[in-house]
Amino acid sequence: MTPNRAICACCGTEFGYEDSSPDSVRRAREEWIANGCPWFRKSKRPPDWNMEEQLRHAQRL
């Protein structure tokens, strides 16, 4: 995958930098969860967003 340096509106991960390896993905996810799963861009959060559903989906990746 080619890094595009976009920033995830949900967790704030910079694609191609903070997700460059499986370990870095796990570390970023653990830090995001430890901080209470805050939205990086709160204005982009869908009204029906469900943290538990998001984390279930993330665990499958």
N, C-alpha and C. Protein backbone atom coordinates (compact mmCIF):
# COMPACT_ATOMS: atom_id res chain seq x y z
N MET A 1 0.84 -1.16 0.00
CA MET A 1 0.00 0.00 0.00
C MET A 1 0.89 1.24 0.00
N THR A 2 0.55 2.21 -0.80
CA THR A 2 1.30 3.45 -0.88
C THR A 2 0.85 4.41 0.21
N PRO A 3 1.79 4.94 0.99
CA PRO A 3 1.41 5.91 2.03
C PRO A 3 0.78 7.14 1.39
N ASN A 4 -0.31 7.61 1.98
CA ASN A 4 -0.92 8.82 1.42
C ASN A 4 -0.90 9.98 2.40
N ARG A 5 -0.44 9.73 3.62
CA ARG A 5 -0.28 10.75 4.65
C ARG A 5 -1.61 11.40 5.07
N ALA A 6 -2.72 10.80 4.69
CA ALA A 6 -4.03 11.29 5.16
C ALA A 6 -4.14 11.02 6.66
N ILE A 7 -4.96 11.78 7.33
CA ILE A 7 -5.16 11.62 8.77
C ILE A 7 -6.57 11.07 9.00
N CYS A 8 -6.66 10.00 9.79
CA CYS A 8 -7.95 9.41 10.12
C CYS A 8 -8.74 10.37 11.00
N ALA A 9 -9.95 10.70 10.59
CA ALA A 9 -10.80 11.61 11.36
C ALA A 9 -11.18 11.02 12.71
N CYS A 10 -11.20 9.69 12.79
CA CYS A 10 -11.61 9.03 14.03
C CYS A 10 -10.46 9.00 15.03
N CYS A 11 -9.35 8.38 14.69
CA CYS A 11 -8.28 8.16 15.68
C CYS A 11 -7.07 9.06 15.51
N GLY A 12 -6.98 9.77 14.38
CA GLY A 12 -5.86 10.67 14.16
C GLY A 12 -4.62 10.02 13.60
N THR A 13 -4.69 8.75 13.23
CA THR A 13 -3.54 8.05 12.65
C THR A 13 -3.18 8.66 11.30
N GLU A 14 -1.89 8.88 11.08
CA GLU A 14 -1.41 9.33 9.78
C GLU A 14 -1.09 8.08 8.97
N PHE A 15 -1.85 7.85 7.91
CA PHE A 15 -1.69 6.65 7.09
C PHE A 15 -0.36 6.69 6.35
N GLY A 16 0.40 5.62 6.51
CA GLY A 16 1.70 5.52 5.89
C GLY A 16 2.82 5.91 6.82
N TYR A 17 2.49 6.38 8.00
CA TYR A 17 3.52 6.72 8.99
C TYR A 17 3.27 5.95 10.28
N GLU A 18 2.14 6.21 10.91
CA GLU A 18 1.85 5.56 12.20
C GLU A 18 1.29 4.16 12.04
N ASP A 19 1.02 3.75 10.82
CA ASP A 19 0.52 2.40 10.58
C ASP A 19 1.43 1.62 9.64
N SER A 20 2.73 1.85 9.79
CA SER A 20 3.69 1.26 8.86
C SER A 20 4.01 -0.20 9.13
N SER A 21 3.59 -0.71 10.29
CA SER A 21 3.82 -2.12 10.61
C SER A 21 2.68 -2.61 11.50
N PRO A 22 2.48 -3.92 11.58
CA PRO A 22 1.44 -4.43 12.48
C PRO A 22 1.65 -3.98 13.93
N ASP A 23 2.91 -3.93 14.38
CA ASP A 23 3.19 -3.48 15.75
C ASP A 23 2.80 -2.02 15.95
N SER A 24 3.10 -1.18 14.96
CA SER A 24 2.75 0.24 15.11
C SER A 24 1.24 0.44 15.10
N VAL A 25 0.53 -0.38 14.33
CA VAL A 25 -0.93 -0.30 14.33
C VAL A 25 -1.47 -0.68 15.71
N ARG A 26 -0.94 -1.77 16.27
CA ARG A 26 -1.38 -2.19 17.61
C ARG A 26 -1.08 -1.12 18.66
N ARG A 27 0.11 -0.55 18.60
CA ARG A 27 0.47 0.50 19.58
C ARG A 27 -0.45 1.71 19.46
N ALA A 28 -0.70 2.15 18.24
CA ALA A 28 -1.57 3.32 18.03
C ALA A 28 -2.98 3.02 18.53
N ARG A 29 -3.48 1.81 18.23
CA ARG A 29 -4.83 1.43 18.68
C ARG A 29 -4.90 1.37 20.20
N GLU A 30 -3.89 0.77 20.81
CA GLU A 30 -3.87 0.67 22.27
C GLU A 30 -3.84 2.04 22.93
N GLU A 31 -3.06 2.95 22.36
CA GLU A 31 -2.98 4.31 22.90
C GLU A 31 -4.32 5.03 22.75
N TRP A 32 -4.95 4.87 21.59
CA TRP A 32 -6.25 5.49 21.33
C TRP A 32 -7.28 4.98 22.33
N ILE A 33 -7.30 3.66 22.56
CA ILE A 33 -8.24 3.06 23.52
C ILE A 33 -7.93 3.54 24.94
N ALA A 34 -6.66 3.56 25.30
CA ALA A 34 -6.26 4.00 26.65
C ALA A 34 -6.68 5.44 26.92
N ASN A 35 -6.77 6.24 25.86
CA ASN A 35 -7.19 7.63 26.00
C ASN A 35 -8.70 7.81 25.90
N GLY A 36 -9.45 6.71 25.84
CA GLY A 36 -10.91 6.78 25.81
C GLY A 36 -11.52 6.87 24.43
N CYS A 37 -10.77 6.53 23.40
CA CYS A 37 -11.25 6.52 22.01
C CYS A 37 -11.78 7.89 21.57
N PRO A 38 -11.00 8.95 21.80
CA PRO A 38 -11.49 10.28 21.39
C PRO A 38 -11.45 10.45 19.88
N TRP A 39 -12.39 11.18 19.36
CA TRP A 39 -12.39 11.50 17.93
C TRP A 39 -11.40 12.60 17.66
N PHE A 40 -10.57 12.42 16.65
CA PHE A 40 -9.57 13.41 16.26
C PHE A 40 -10.25 14.64 15.67
N ARG A 41 -11.22 14.41 14.82
CA ARG A 41 -12.02 15.49 14.23
C ARG A 41 -13.47 15.26 14.66
N LYS A 42 -13.81 15.86 15.78
CA LYS A 42 -15.14 15.63 16.36
C LYS A 42 -16.27 15.95 15.40
N SER A 43 -16.09 16.92 14.53
CA SER A 43 -17.15 17.31 13.58
C SER A 43 -17.43 16.21 12.55
N LYS A 44 -16.53 15.25 12.39
CA LYS A 44 -16.71 14.16 11.42
C LYS A 44 -17.35 12.92 12.04
N ARG A 45 -17.55 12.93 13.34
CA ARG A 45 -18.11 11.75 14.02
C ARG A 45 -19.58 11.54 13.61
N PRO A 46 -19.90 10.36 13.06
CA PRO A 46 -21.28 10.07 12.70
C PRO A 46 -22.17 10.02 13.95
N PRO A 47 -23.40 10.47 13.85
CA PRO A 47 -24.28 10.48 15.03
C PRO A 47 -24.54 9.08 15.59
N ASP A 48 -24.46 8.07 14.74
CA ASP A 48 -24.75 6.70 15.20
C ASP A 48 -23.48 5.89 15.46
N TRP A 49 -22.32 6.57 15.60
CA TRP A 49 -21.06 5.87 15.83
C TRP A 49 -21.11 5.11 17.14
N ASN A 50 -20.59 3.88 17.10
CA ASN A 50 -20.59 3.01 18.27
C ASN A 50 -19.17 2.51 18.50
N MET A 51 -18.57 2.89 19.62
CA MET A 51 -17.19 2.53 19.90
C MET A 51 -17.01 1.01 19.93
N GLU A 52 -17.90 0.29 20.59
CA GLU A 52 -17.75 -1.17 20.68
C GLU A 52 -17.78 -1.81 19.30
N GLU A 53 -18.67 -1.34 18.44
CA GLU A 53 -18.74 -1.89 17.08
C GLU A 53 -17.46 -1.57 16.31
N GLN A 54 -16.96 -0.36 16.45
CA GLN A 54 -15.71 0.03 15.78
C GLN A 54 -14.56 -0.87 16.23
N LEU A 55 -14.47 -1.11 17.53
CA LEU A 55 -13.38 -1.94 18.04
C LEU A 55 -13.53 -3.40 17.61
N ARG A 56 -14.75 -3.90 17.55
CA ARG A 56 -14.96 -5.29 17.05
C ARG A 56 -14.47 -5.40 15.62
N HIS A 57 -14.82 -4.42 14.82
CA HIS A 57 -14.38 -4.43 13.42
C HIS A 57 -12.85 -4.34 13.34
N ALA A 58 -12.25 -3.48 14.14
CA ALA A 58 -10.79 -3.30 14.12
C ALA A 58 -10.06 -4.57 14.51
N GLN A 59 -10.63 -5.35 15.43
CA GLN A 59 -9.99 -6.58 15.87
C GLN A 59 -9.90 -7.61 14.75
N ARG A 60 -10.79 -7.51 13.76
CA ARG A 60 -10.78 -8.47 12.64
C ARG A 60 -9.72 -8.13 11.61
N LEU A 61 -9.16 -6.92 11.67
CA LEU A 61 -8.19 -6.50 10.65
C LEU A 61 -6.81 -7.02 10.97
